[in-house]
C-alpha atoms as a PDB file:
ATOM      1  CA  UNK A   1       7.316 -20.475  30.303  1.00  0.00           C
ATOM      2  CA  UNK A   2       6.339 -17.008  31.477  1.00  0.00           C
ATOM      3  CA  UNK A   3       7.065 -15.768  34.975  1.00  0.00           C
ATOM      4  CA  UNK A   4       4.125 -16.020  37.323  1.00  0.00           C
ATOM      5  CA  UNK A   5       4.229 -15.517  41.071  1.00  0.00           C
ATOM      6  CA  UNK A   6       1.736 -15.911  43.848  1.00  0.00           C
ATOM      7  CA  UNK A   7       1.992 -14.943  47.490  1.00  0.00           C
ATOM      8  CA  UNK A   8      -0.469 -15.625  50.282  1.00  0.00           C
ATOM      9  CA  UNK A   9      -0.798 -13.682  53.504  1.00  0.00           C
ATOM     10  CA  UNK A  10      -3.317 -14.016  56.289  1.00  0.00           C
ATOM     11  CA  UNK A  11      -4.310 -11.365  58.776  1.00  0.00           C
ATOM     12  CA  UNK A  12      -7.390  -9.990  60.553  1.00  0.00           C
ATOM     13  CA  UNK A  13      -9.834 -12.588  59.279  1.00  0.00           C
ATOM     14  CA  UNK A  14      -8.721 -12.051  55.694  1.00  0.00           C
ATOM     15  CA  UNK A  15      -6.624 -14.107  53.305  1.00  0.00           C
ATOM     16  CA  UNK A  16      -4.865 -12.091  50.600  1.00  0.00           C
ATOM     17  CA  UNK A  17      -3.594 -13.845  47.492  1.00  0.00           C
ATOM     18  CA  UNK A  18      -1.400 -11.573  45.365  1.00  0.00           C
ATOM     19  CA  UNK A  19      -0.806 -12.647  41.790  1.00  0.00           C
ATOM     20  CA  UNK A  20       1.795 -11.373  39.327  1.00  0.00           C
ATOM     21  CA  UNK A  21       1.986 -12.194  35.616  1.00  0.00           C
ATOM     22  CA  UNK A  22      -0.495 -13.694  33.177  1.00  0.00           C
ATOM     23  CA  UNK A  23      -3.480 -15.577  34.575  1.00  0.00           C
ATOM     24  CA  UNK A  24      -4.384 -18.027  31.821  1.00  0.00           C
ATOM     25  CA  UNK A  25      -4.797 -21.659  30.791  1.00  0.00           C
ATOM     26  CA  UNK A  26      -1.186 -22.397  31.807  1.00  0.00           C
ATOM     27  CA  UNK A  27      -1.222 -20.724  35.234  1.00  0.00           C
ATOM     28  CA  UNK A  28      -4.821 -21.140  36.449  1.00  0.00           C
ATOM     29  CA  UNK A  29      -4.507 -24.824  37.443  1.00  0.00           C
ATOM     30  CA  UNK A  30      -1.602 -24.074  39.791  1.00  0.00           C
ATOM     31  CA  UNK A  31      -3.369 -21.075  41.297  1.00  0.00           C
ATOM     32  CA  UNK A  32      -6.554 -23.106  41.783  1.00  0.00           C
ATOM     33  CA  UNK A  33      -4.628 -25.933  43.494  1.00  0.00           C
ATOM     34  CA  UNK A  34      -2.879 -23.489  45.826  1.00  0.00           C
ATOM     35  CA  UNK A  35      -6.110 -21.717  46.759  1.00  0.00           C
ATOM     36  CA  UNK A  36      -7.942 -25.040  47.170  1.00  0.00           C
ATOM     37  CA  UNK A  37      -5.401 -25.821  49.896  1.00  0.00           C
ATOM     38  CA  UNK A  38      -6.330 -22.716  51.890  1.00  0.00           C
ATOM     39  CA  UNK A  39      -8.696 -22.929  54.825  1.00  0.00           C
ATOM     40  CA  UNK A  40     -11.264 -20.177  54.395  1.00  0.00           C
ATOM     41  CA  UNK A  41     -14.288 -21.020  56.593  1.00  0.00           C
ATOM     42  CA  UNK A  42     -16.118 -17.703  56.473  1.00  0.00           C
ATOM     43  CA  UNK A  43     -13.048 -15.540  55.875  1.00  0.00           C
ATOM     44  CA  UNK A  44     -12.773 -12.855  53.251  1.00  0.00           C
ATOM     45  CA  UNK A  45     -10.574 -13.954  50.373  1.00  0.00           C
ATOM     46  CA  UNK A  46      -8.928 -11.041  48.594  1.00  0.00           C
ATOM     47  CA  UNK A  47      -7.300 -11.604  45.222  1.00  0.00           C
ATOM     48  CA  UNK A  48      -4.878  -8.776  44.489  1.00  0.00           C
ATOM     49  CA  UNK A  49      -4.774  -8.692  40.700  1.00  0.00           C
ATOM     50  CA  UNK A  50      -2.915  -5.366  40.435  1.00  0.00           C
ATOM     51  CA  UNK A  51       0.084  -7.049  38.800  1.00  0.00           C
ATOM     52  CA  UNK A  52      -1.846  -9.421  36.534  1.00  0.00           C
ATOM     53  CA  UNK A  53      -1.146  -8.296  32.988  1.00  0.00           C
ATOM     54  CA  UNK A  54      -3.544 -10.665  31.175  1.00  0.00           C
ATOM     55  CA  UNK A  55      -6.580 -12.827  31.893  1.00  0.00           C
ATOM     56  CA  UNK A  56      -8.408 -15.222  29.586  1.00  0.00           C
ATOM     57  CA  UNK A  57     -11.603 -17.286  29.761  1.00  0.00           C
ATOM     58  CA  UNK A  58      -9.949 -19.930  31.929  1.00  0.00           C
ATOM     59  CA  UNK A  59      -9.259 -17.171  34.469  1.00  0.00           C
ATOM     60  CA  UNK A  60     -12.911 -16.170  34.466  1.00  0.00           C
ATOM     61  CA  UNK A  61     -13.934 -19.789  34.952  1.00  0.00           C
ATOM     62  CA  UNK A  62     -11.510 -20.115  37.885  1.00  0.00           C
ATOM     63  CA  UNK A  63     -12.835 -16.914  39.484  1.00  0.00           C
ATOM     64  CA  UNK A  64     -16.439 -18.081  39.168  1.00  0.00           C
ATOM     65  CA  UNK A  65     -15.616 -21.460  40.754  1.00  0.00           C
ATOM     66  CA  UNK A  66     -13.669 -19.730  43.499  1.00  0.00           C
ATOM     67  CA  UNK A  67     -16.554 -17.341  44.183  1.00  0.00           C
ATOM     68  CA  UNK A  68     -18.950 -20.288  44.510  1.00  0.00           C
ATOM     69  CA  UNK A  69     -16.608 -22.042  46.967  1.00  0.00           C
ATOM     70  CA  UNK A  70     -15.980 -18.956  49.105  1.00  0.00           C
ATOM     71  CA  UNK A  71     -19.680 -18.129  49.345  1.00  0.00           C
ATOM     72  CA  UNK A  72     -20.577 -21.772  50.134  1.00  0.00           C
ATOM     73  CA  UNK A  73     -18.169 -21.530  53.080  1.00  0.00           C
ATOM     74  CA  UNK A  74     -19.799 -18.295  54.277  1.00  0.00           C
ATOM     75  CA  UNK A  75     -17.039 -15.966  53.079  1.00  0.00           C
ATOM     76  CA  UNK A  76     -16.658 -13.117  50.639  1.00  0.00           C
ATOM     77  CA  UNK A  77     -14.449 -12.915  47.539  1.00  0.00           C
ATOM     78  CA  UNK A  78     -12.885  -9.546  46.742  1.00  0.00           C
ATOM     79  CA  UNK A  79     -11.040  -8.741  43.522  1.00  0.00           C
ATOM     80  CA  UNK A  80      -8.615  -5.855  43.946  1.00  0.00           C
ATOM     81  CA  UNK A  81      -6.701  -3.847  41.380  1.00  0.00           C
ATOM     82  CA  UNK A  82      -8.177  -5.248  38.175  1.00  0.00           C
ATOM     83  CA  UNK A  83      -6.357  -3.980  35.118  1.00  0.00           C
ATOM     84  CA  UNK A  84      -8.417  -2.680  32.175  1.00  0.00           C
ATOM     85  CA  UNK A  85      -8.172  -5.908  30.137  1.00  0.00           C
ATOM     86  CA  UNK A  86      -9.423  -8.052  33.030  1.00  0.00           C
ATOM     87  CA  UNK A  87     -12.167  -5.573  33.908  1.00  0.00           C
ATOM     88  CA  UNK A  88     -13.295  -5.649  30.279  1.00  0.00           C
ATOM     89  CA  UNK A  89     -13.630  -9.456  30.343  1.00  0.00           C
ATOM     90  CA  UNK A  90     -15.912  -9.220  33.366  1.00  0.00           C
ATOM     91  CA  UNK A  91     -17.977  -6.467  31.755  1.00  0.00           C
ATOM     92  CA  UNK A  92     -18.336  -8.207  28.366  1.00  0.00           C
ATOM     93  CA  UNK A  93     -19.429 -11.452  30.011  1.00  0.00           C
ATOM     94  CA  UNK A  94     -21.800  -9.692  32.407  1.00  0.00           C
ATOM     95  CA  UNK A  95     -20.081 -11.202  35.426  1.00  0.00           C
ATOM     96  CA  UNK A  96     -18.666  -7.997  36.949  1.00  0.00           C
ATOM     97  CA  UNK A  97     -21.713  -7.653  39.227  1.00  0.00           C
ATOM     98  CA  UNK A  98     -20.976 -11.069  40.755  1.00  0.00           C
ATOM     99  CA  UNK A  99     -17.735  -9.858  42.346  1.00  0.00           C
ATOM    100  CA  UNK A 100     -16.781  -7.269  44.914  1.00  0.00           C
ATOM    101  CA  UNK A 101     -14.419  -5.104  42.858  1.00  0.00           C
ATOM    102  CA  UNK A 102     -12.085  -2.798  44.781  1.00  0.00           C
ATOM    103  CA  UNK A 103      -9.060  -0.629  44.006  1.00  0.00           C
ATOM    104  CA  UNK A 104      -5.638  -2.217  44.364  1.00  0.00           C
ATOM    105  CA  UNK A 105      -3.873  -2.485  47.680  1.00  0.00           C
ATOM    106  CA  UNK A 106      -1.550   0.401  48.529  1.00  0.00           C
ATOM    107  CA  UNK A 107       1.896  -0.094  46.989  1.00  0.00           C
ATOM    108  CA  UNK A 108       3.651  -0.128  50.375  1.00  0.00           C
ATOM    109  CA  UNK A 109       1.526  -3.004  51.662  1.00  0.00           C
ATOM    110  CA  UNK A 110       2.079  -4.981  48.441  1.00  0.00           C
ATOM    111  CA  UNK A 111       5.841  -4.551  48.540  1.00  0.00           C
ATOM    112  CA  UNK A 112       6.175  -5.403  52.228  1.00  0.00           C
ATOM    113  CA  UNK A 113       3.690  -8.155  53.073  1.00  0.00           C
ATOM    114  CA  UNK A 114       3.045  -9.005  56.715  1.00  0.00           C
ATOM    115  CA  UNK A 115       4.894 -11.840  58.406  1.00  0.00           C
ATOM    116  CA  UNK A 116       3.597 -15.297  57.709  1.00  0.00           C
ATOM    117  CA  UNK A 117       3.583 -14.800  53.962  1.00  0.00           C
ATOM    118  CA  UNK A 118       3.857 -17.865  51.805  1.00  0.00           C
ATOM    119  CA  UNK A 119       5.398 -17.127  48.425  1.00  0.00           C
ATOM    120  CA  UNK A 120       5.632 -19.504  45.527  1.00  0.00           C
ATOM    121  CA  UNK A 121       5.982 -19.570  41.794  1.00  0.00           C
ATOM    122  CA  UNK A 122       3.260 -21.307  39.868  1.00  0.00           C
END
């Protein structure tokens, strides 16, 4: 099994989920379960995808479901740091306009997350 890591940090009305590795049919169920356990209630959910090396159609499906949930709870979903392959999937499928796409988080803030970070391998 490939290495895949996920960390969650919460600060200033924002929940940041940082993912590392391949986001695919094998890893999406664990990511979805972990995010389903988060309380969002109107918060911004930021997915830092800067270190995601691959995404497939199951990833897109997960992102679309997550977007629907976040918006239903009055929040906003941000995707940060999309790599070219992931960006291309969103463009080809015409779904890129559905997401708030932003540059990746600064390297310093990714390498030293704030206190209260939950880190797990999925």
